[in-house]
């Protein structure tokens, strides 16, 4: 859902599908991929809020073709709930003439098999607000009413200059467009470093949706964006404040335990053949640094405030971040 304009600038198509959602346990299935940063937002928020029992989740593989994300991780390559091999089927069930991107995250109504939303910015905010009756005890308030006006401004800046900014670098159609995107990205990262130098999280002492949105880009930065998208002024690990902040989040239950670096690298380096024609997937970087001390607790605050972290994952779902080929293997 994107194109390069005549001026060489990457432009994202934001005409998303979005029906009215009726929060009801078992009614919808959230379809994601751990490779996709937009889907990762939904994975993190669902886990932080404890919506697992109310909202089931189907996970697509990291590599897809031009048609659709596929359920190749499931037995027989078919989602066990939706009974489809390709997410494309849920979009076509809604509109047989659908001709835009088949994207994740997607919310699919199980009874009809139709996509009801692929509007990822709204999807996670609705999880915090409309689905509140199904939150776990101790769930964090990721979209506090008293912070929403400022949060919306911060999240808009993060989206335009960072979340989408790395794509504007990577898919720039000419040098001028790339140069502008590059400077805009790193100017914003410097601004974020200044903001986070004196407070633990983007909105203060506890995590919010704003942190989730920034994290999903930062966690991909050194593995993908620094080299693949030419965002190479500095690695994340060379930006002290942002590196410590990202590690703080990564080590918080609900963040790092949803990350799969191998899926991330496979998606970008294999699928985006126009950027990486050889489809060679790098072995690095070494991801062990994500588990090192960050000392952000010295700034005060606590990720969950007066709330509690989500329960540990089952033993068969240990931190998938460990499943990454690295230079230390």
Protein backbone atom coordinates (compact mmCIF):
# COMPACT_ATOMS: atom_id res chain seq x y z
CA UNK A 1 0.00 0.00 0.00
CA UNK A 2 2.65 2.47 -1.09
CA UNK A 3 4.18 4.10 -4.13
CA UNK A 4 7.00 6.42 -5.15
CA UNK A 5 5.83 9.84 -6.32
CA UNK A 6 7.13 11.69 -9.38
CA UNK A 7 9.38 13.67 -7.01
CA UNK A 8 11.02 10.41 -5.88
CA UNK A 9 9.42 10.35 -2.43
CA UNK A 10 7.98 7.19 -0.90
CA UNK A 11 4.28 7.71 -0.17
CA UNK A 12 2.19 5.33 1.95
CA UNK A 13 -1.42 4.64 0.99
CA UNK A 14 -3.42 5.14 4.20
CA UNK A 15 -6.85 4.25 2.80
CA UNK A 16 -7.51 1.46 5.26
CA UNK A 17 -10.58 -0.69 5.75
CA UNK A 18 -12.32 0.04 9.02
CA UNK A 19 -15.79 -1.14 10.01
CA UNK A 20 -17.40 -0.58 13.39
CA UNK A 21 -15.96 -3.21 15.72
CA UNK A 22 -18.15 -4.89 18.35
CA UNK A 23 -15.84 -5.95 21.21
CA UNK A 24 -16.89 -9.51 21.89
CA UNK A 25 -14.72 -12.46 22.94
CA UNK A 26 -14.23 -14.97 20.15
CA UNK A 27 -15.80 -12.84 17.44
CA UNK A 28 -12.61 -11.76 15.67
CA UNK A 29 -9.19 -13.12 14.84
CA UNK A 30 -6.18 -10.84 14.77
CA UNK A 31 -3.89 -11.79 11.88
CA UNK A 32 -0.28 -10.65 12.20
CA UNK A 33 3.29 -11.36 11.22
CA UNK A 34 6.17 -10.97 13.66
CA UNK A 35 8.17 -9.56 10.75
CA UNK A 36 5.98 -6.49 10.24
CA UNK A 37 6.44 -3.43 12.50
CA UNK A 38 2.81 -2.35 12.10
CA UNK A 39 1.58 -5.81 13.10
CA UNK A 40 4.09 -5.92 15.95
CA UNK A 41 2.28 -2.97 17.54
CA UNK A 42 -0.86 -5.06 17.76
CA UNK A 43 1.01 -8.10 19.09
CA UNK A 44 2.60 -6.05 21.88
CA UNK A 45 -0.59 -4.19 22.85
CA UNK A 46 -2.67 -7.39 22.87
CA UNK A 47 -0.16 -9.01 25.21
CA UNK A 48 0.26 -5.99 27.50
CA UNK A 49 -3.51 -5.69 27.93
CA UNK A 50 -4.08 -9.43 28.33
CA UNK A 51 -6.55 -9.79 25.47
CA UNK A 52 -5.43 -13.30 24.51
CA UNK A 53 -8.64 -15.00 25.65
CA UNK A 54 -10.88 -12.42 23.99
CA UNK A 55 -9.00 -12.01 20.72
CA UNK A 56 -7.29 -14.98 19.13
CA UNK A 57 -4.25 -14.44 16.93
CA UNK A 58 -3.11 -16.03 13.68
CA UNK A 59 0.55 -15.64 12.73
CA UNK A 60 1.66 -15.50 9.11
CA UNK A 61 5.15 -16.40 8.03
CA UNK A 62 7.77 -13.73 7.39
CA UNK A 63 8.05 -14.25 3.63
CA UNK A 64 5.18 -13.68 1.22
CA UNK A 65 4.66 -13.29 -2.51
CA UNK A 66 3.11 -10.40 -4.43
CA UNK A 67 -0.41 -11.65 -3.72
CA UNK A 68 -0.64 -12.13 -0.01
CA UNK A 69 0.68 -12.97 3.41
CA UNK A 70 0.39 -16.74 3.93
CA UNK A 71 -0.14 -19.07 6.88
CA UNK A 72 2.88 -21.23 6.10
CA UNK A 73 3.78 -21.58 9.79
CA UNK A 74 0.61 -23.62 10.44
CA UNK A 75 0.20 -27.34 9.70
CA UNK A 76 -0.73 -27.73 6.06
CA UNK A 77 -0.23 -24.01 5.51
CA UNK A 78 -3.81 -23.24 6.62
CA UNK A 79 -4.91 -21.04 9.52
CA UNK A 80 -6.63 -23.40 12.00
CA UNK A 81 -9.44 -20.97 12.79
CA UNK A 82 -10.11 -19.12 9.54
CA UNK A 83 -9.41 -22.23 7.42
CA UNK A 84 -7.61 -20.23 4.72
CA UNK A 85 -4.05 -20.53 3.37
CA UNK A 86 -3.75 -16.86 2.39
CA UNK A 87 -4.91 -13.70 4.13
CA UNK A 88 -5.95 -12.52 0.68
CA UNK A 89 -9.05 -14.73 0.99
CA UNK A 90 -10.40 -12.64 3.88
CA UNK A 91 -9.97 -9.41 1.90
CA UNK A 92 -11.70 -10.90 -1.16
CA UNK A 93 -14.50 -12.26 1.03
CA UNK A 94 -15.19 -8.68 2.01
CA UNK A 95 -14.77 -7.28 -1.50
CA UNK A 96 -14.30 -9.58 -4.51
CA UNK A 97 -12.88 -6.60 -6.42
CA UNK A 98 -10.39 -5.60 -3.72
CA UNK A 99 -7.25 -4.43 -5.53
CA UNK A 100 -5.10 -2.82 -2.85
CA UNK A 101 -2.52 -4.22 -0.46
CA UNK A 102 -3.23 -7.30 1.62
CA UNK A 103 -1.72 -6.05 4.86
CA UNK A 104 -1.19 -7.04 8.47
CA UNK A 105 -2.39 -6.53 11.07
CA UNK A 106 -5.86 -7.43 9.93
CA UNK A 107 -8.91 -8.02 12.08
CA UNK A 108 -11.08 -10.78 10.58
CA UNK A 109 -14.61 -11.64 11.66
CA UNK A 110 -14.48 -15.38 12.19
CA UNK A 111 -18.12 -16.17 11.36
CA UNK A 112 -18.05 -14.41 7.98
CA UNK A 113 -14.36 -14.79 7.18
CA UNK A 114 -14.25 -11.11 6.19
CA UNK A 115 -11.67 -8.49 7.07
CA UNK A 116 -13.30 -5.77 9.15
CA UNK A 117 -10.20 -3.64 9.66
CA UNK A 118 -6.60 -3.30 8.58
CA UNK A 119 -6.41 0.19 10.09
CA UNK A 120 -3.43 -0.45 12.34
CA UNK A 121 -3.22 3.05 13.93
CA UNK A 122 -6.81 2.80 15.16
CA UNK A 123 -6.72 -0.91 15.92
CA UNK A 124 -4.36 -0.69 18.89
CA UNK A 125 -6.01 2.41 20.35
CA UNK A 126 -9.35 0.59 20.20
CA UNK A 127 -7.79 -2.33 22.07
CA UNK A 128 -7.01 0.12 24.88
CA UNK A 129 -10.39 1.84 24.89
CA UNK A 130 -13.21 -0.22 23.35
CA UNK A 131 -11.90 -3.56 24.65
CA UNK A 132 -11.31 -2.38 28.22
CA UNK A 133 -13.93 -4.76 29.66
CA UNK A 134 -11.71 -7.66 28.65
CA UNK A 135 -8.38 -6.32 29.89
CA UNK A 136 -6.49 -8.43 32.42
CA UNK A 137 -6.35 -7.24 36.04
CA UNK A 138 -3.41 -4.86 36.41
CA UNK A 139 -3.27 -4.01 32.70
CA UNK A 140 -1.58 -0.68 31.95
CA UNK A 141 -3.49 2.33 30.66
CA UNK A 142 -1.73 2.71 27.34
CA UNK A 143 -3.84 5.69 26.19
CA UNK A 144 -4.51 7.84 29.29
CA UNK A 145 -7.21 10.44 28.77
CA UNK A 146 -5.20 13.26 30.35
CA UNK A 147 -2.27 12.62 28.00
CA UNK A 148 -4.08 11.98 24.74
CA UNK A 149 -3.68 15.41 23.16
CA UNK A 150 0.09 15.45 23.69
CA UNK A 151 0.38 11.74 22.92
CA UNK A 152 -1.36 12.16 19.58
CA UNK A 153 1.10 14.90 18.65
CA UNK A 154 4.12 12.82 19.69
CA UNK A 155 2.86 9.70 17.91
CA UNK A 156 2.21 11.69 14.74
CA UNK A 157 5.79 12.99 14.76
CA UNK A 158 7.14 9.51 15.42
CA UNK A 159 5.07 8.07 12.58
CA UNK A 160 5.95 10.69 9.98
CA UNK A 161 9.66 10.96 10.73
CA UNK A 162 10.64 7.59 12.23
CA UNK A 163 8.14 4.74 11.66
CA UNK A 164 7.48 5.83 8.08
CA UNK A 165 10.73 7.79 7.87
CA UNK A 166 12.88 4.68 7.55
CA UNK A 167 10.74 3.58 4.60
CA UNK A 168 11.07 7.01 3.02
CA UNK A 169 14.84 6.48 3.15
CA UNK A 170 14.77 2.90 1.93
CA UNK A 171 12.40 3.41 -0.98
CA UNK A 172 13.44 6.90 -2.05
CA UNK A 173 13.40 7.19 -5.83
CA UNK A 174 16.26 9.65 -6.15
CA UNK A 175 19.12 11.19 -4.19
CA UNK A 176 17.30 14.36 -3.19
CA UNK A 177 14.32 12.47 -1.77
CA UNK A 178 16.67 10.17 0.14
CA UNK A 179 18.71 13.06 1.54
CA UNK A 180 15.59 14.79 2.83
CA UNK A 181 14.24 11.62 4.41
CA UNK A 182 17.61 10.78 5.98
CA UNK A 183 18.01 14.16 7.66
CA UNK A 184 14.38 14.20 8.78
CA UNK A 185 14.80 10.75 10.36
CA UNK A 186 17.95 11.50 12.30
CA UNK A 187 16.81 14.97 13.33
CA UNK A 188 13.77 13.31 14.91
CA UNK A 189 15.87 10.60 16.55
CA UNK A 190 18.03 13.34 18.07
CA UNK A 191 14.87 15.08 19.30
CA UNK A 192 13.68 11.83 20.85
CA UNK A 193 17.06 11.32 22.52
CA UNK A 194 16.77 14.74 24.14
CA UNK A 195 13.24 14.01 25.32
CA UNK A 196 14.21 10.64 26.78
CA UNK A 197 17.42 11.85 28.42
CA UNK A 198 15.51 13.02 31.50
CA UNK A 199 12.40 10.80 31.54
CA UNK A 200 12.15 7.04 31.35
CA UNK A 201 9.37 6.79 28.77
CA UNK A 202 8.01 9.00 26.03
CA UNK A 203 5.10 10.31 28.09
CA UNK A 204 6.72 10.18 31.52
CA UNK A 205 7.10 7.48 34.16
CA UNK A 206 5.08 4.62 32.61
CA UNK A 207 4.70 2.96 29.22
CA UNK A 208 2.02 4.11 26.78
CA UNK A 209 1.01 3.40 23.20
CA UNK A 210 3.61 5.99 22.14
CA UNK A 211 6.41 3.75 23.45
CA UNK A 212 4.99 0.73 21.65
CA UNK A 213 4.98 2.62 18.36
CA UNK A 214 8.56 3.81 18.68
CA UNK A 215 9.84 0.45 19.94
CA UNK A 216 8.75 -1.52 16.89
CA UNK A 217 10.95 0.65 14.67
CA UNK A 218 13.90 0.82 17.06
CA UNK A 219 14.02 -2.95 17.52
CA UNK A 220 14.45 -3.34 13.74
CA UNK A 221 16.95 -0.55 13.31
CA UNK A 222 20.33 -2.29 13.47
CA UNK A 223 19.11 -5.57 11.98
CA UNK A 224 17.42 -3.99 8.96
CA UNK A 225 17.05 -0.24 8.61
CA UNK A 226 20.69 0.75 9.17
CA UNK A 227 21.93 -1.24 6.17
CA UNK A 228 18.93 -2.33 4.11
CA UNK A 229 17.27 1.11 4.14
CA UNK A 230 20.52 3.13 4.20
CA UNK A 231 19.70 4.73 7.58
CA UNK A 232 23.38 4.67 8.38
CA UNK A 233 24.40 7.84 10.18
CA UNK A 234 24.41 5.85 13.39
CA UNK A 235 23.33 2.42 14.54
CA UNK A 236 20.83 2.33 17.38
CA UNK A 237 23.58 0.83 19.52
CA UNK A 238 25.61 4.01 18.84
CA UNK A 239 22.88 6.33 20.13
CA UNK A 240 23.27 5.93 23.91
CA UNK A 241 19.93 7.27 25.15
CA UNK A 242 17.77 5.52 22.55
CA UNK A 243 19.75 2.30 22.87
CA UNK A 244 19.25 2.20 26.65
CA UNK A 245 15.57 3.14 26.25
CA UNK A 246 15.01 0.40 23.66
CA UNK A 247 16.72 -2.18 25.88
CA UNK A 248 14.55 -1.10 28.82
CA UNK A 249 11.45 -1.81 26.76
CA UNK A 250 12.84 -5.01 25.22
CA UNK A 251 13.43 -6.42 28.69
CA UNK A 252 9.89 -5.49 29.79
CA UNK A 253 7.40 -8.39 29.51
CA UNK A 254 5.24 -7.90 26.43
CA UNK A 255 7.94 -6.28 24.31
CA UNK A 256 11.06 -8.39 23.71
CA UNK A 257 9.20 -11.65 24.18
CA UNK A 258 7.17 -10.87 21.05
CA UNK A 259 10.21 -10.20 18.83
CA UNK A 260 11.67 -12.63 16.31
CA UNK A 261 14.77 -11.12 14.70
CA UNK A 262 15.05 -13.95 12.21
CA UNK A 263 11.52 -13.34 10.90
CA UNK A 264 12.28 -9.63 10.69
CA UNK A 265 15.41 -10.13 8.60
CA UNK A 266 13.86 -12.74 6.33
CA UNK A 267 10.96 -10.45 5.49
CA UNK A 268 12.94 -7.37 4.54
CA UNK A 269 15.90 -8.99 2.85
CA UNK A 270 13.96 -11.70 0.97
CA UNK A 271 10.65 -10.01 0.08
CA UNK A 272 12.01 -6.58 -0.88
CA UNK A 273 13.93 -7.72 -3.94
CA UNK A 274 14.00 -4.23 -5.42
CA UNK A 275 16.17 -3.14 -2.47
CA UNK A 276 18.08 -6.43 -2.04
CA UNK A 277 18.12 -8.25 -5.43
CA UNK A 278 20.31 -11.12 -4.16
CA UNK A 279 17.86 -11.90 -1.32
CA UNK A 280 20.85 -12.75 0.87
CA UNK A 281 19.89 -12.52 4.56
CA UNK A 282 22.68 -11.17 6.83
CA UNK A 283 23.84 -13.40 9.65
CA UNK A 284 24.30 -10.46 12.03
CA UNK A 285 24.08 -8.41 14.04
CA UNK A 286 24.73 -10.07 17.37
CA UNK A 287 21.53 -9.59 19.38
CA UNK A 288 22.94 -10.45 22.81
CA UNK A 289 23.31 -6.74 23.61
CA UNK A 290 19.54 -6.46 23.96
CA UNK A 291 19.79 -8.34 27.26
CA UNK A 292 22.46 -6.11 28.84
CA UNK A 293 21.83 -3.67 31.71
CA UNK A 294 20.26 -0.35 30.68
CA UNK A 295 20.11 1.55 34.02
CA UNK A 296 17.01 3.46 32.91
CA UNK A 297 15.42 2.68 36.28
CA UNK A 298 17.69 5.39 37.70
CA UNK A 299 15.39 7.95 36.04
CA UNK A 300 12.53 6.74 38.25
CA UNK A 301 9.17 5.48 37.14
CA UNK A 302 8.07 1.94 36.41
CA UNK A 303 6.84 0.39 33.15
CA UNK A 304 3.46 -0.58 34.57
CA UNK A 305 3.07 2.08 37.27
CA UNK A 306 0.62 0.73 39.81
CA UNK A 307 -0.28 -2.12 37.48
CA UNK A 308 1.43 -5.45 36.86
CA UNK A 309 3.31 -7.04 33.97
CA UNK A 310 1.64 -9.73 31.87
CA UNK A 311 2.20 -13.31 32.92
CA UNK A 312 5.26 -15.11 31.62
CA UNK A 313 4.80 -16.92 28.34
CA UNK A 314 4.35 -20.70 28.33
CA UNK A 315 7.54 -22.74 28.18
CA UNK A 316 6.92 -23.56 24.52
CA UNK A 317 6.78 -19.84 23.70
CA UNK A 318 10.06 -18.68 25.18
CA UNK A 319 11.50 -15.38 24.05
CA UNK A 320 11.68 -15.81 20.27
CA UNK A 321 14.38 -13.14 20.18
CA UNK A 322 16.80 -15.97 21.00
CA UNK A 323 15.90 -17.55 17.67
CA UNK A 324 18.23 -15.38 15.63
CA UNK A 325 21.29 -16.34 13.68
CA UNK A 326 24.05 -14.04 14.85
CA UNK A 327 27.76 -13.57 14.54
CA UNK A 328 28.20 -15.21 17.93
CA UNK A 329 26.51 -18.49 16.89
